Each structure stands twice: as structure tokens, then as C-alpha cells.
Amino acid sequence: MNKTLYLLSIVLSLGLIFYLYFINFDNMSETELVNSVLYWYTPLIFGMYGLTALRLKKNAIEDDTSVIKKLFQSQDNSMTALAITILLLGGIIGIVLFFLPLSIFKEKSKNFDISVAIFGTILWLAALFGFFVLLWPSV
């Protein structure tokens, strides 16, 4: 059930990106395009965190290895590729923001995936808000 929710969230996000930036691009002002980031950004982050947390929970073993070690030492190549991609695209700030929600919650808890998805979404929305309030006006 939760996996379907996360996948639908990502599909919704990608659909909104396609609509806003490829179909409706000429009908929107620059300000409207910038403000529309919130509409696709939120479901994308929610879905990514949810799927990542589900995958980590599925591959959880009984040891107390940290989430970061599991991602980089994993037999699951897609998780390692995701971690490296986030490191390359987001730098140190991106990797810290990505791993923080994954490492706060215990993966053996019943609601690990939904807790991570909600907390991660809130964290990244705060980072987006900070970007638009602090950095965007000076650009």
C-alpha cells in the first residue's frame, strides 16, 4: 500500500513537471514558474524518501550498522547509486539533508517509511523556503 502511495507521488510530480515546464511554459510568467516549484517538489521528495526508506527497511538486517554505511556498503547497487548521485548533485549539504531523516528513525519501527517521508519532506521544504527567502532575492 505505502509503496503505491510513494510511486503515485513520484508519478504525480513528474507529470506536474512535464505539464508546467513543457506544455504550459509559455502561458506562465517567470514568477509563476518559480512559485510552481512547490507543487512538484513536495510529492517528489515525499516519494523518494518513502521508497528509499521502504527499501532500507526491506533489506534491514539484525546488526546496528548505520544507514549511511548500509547505503554505501550495500549489496543493493541501486541504493549505492542513489547515494552517490545525491552526493554528486547535492554536495555535502544535499547528502546531509538526505541522510538526516534516514538516520533519525529506527528502520525496525513499524512506521519507519512514512515517518522518514514526512520528516524528510518537511526538512527539504524548509531548505527550499530558506533558498527562496535568503538566496533567491540576491540572484
Foldseek 3Di string as FASTA:
>chain_A
DLLVQLVVLLVQLVVLCCCCVPPCVVVDDPVVSLVCCVVNVLSNLLSVLLVLLVVCLVPDDDDPDAPVCCQCVPPPVVSVVVLVVQCVPVNPVSNCLLCVLVRPDDSPDPCSSNSSSVVSSVSVVVVVVCCVVPPVVVD
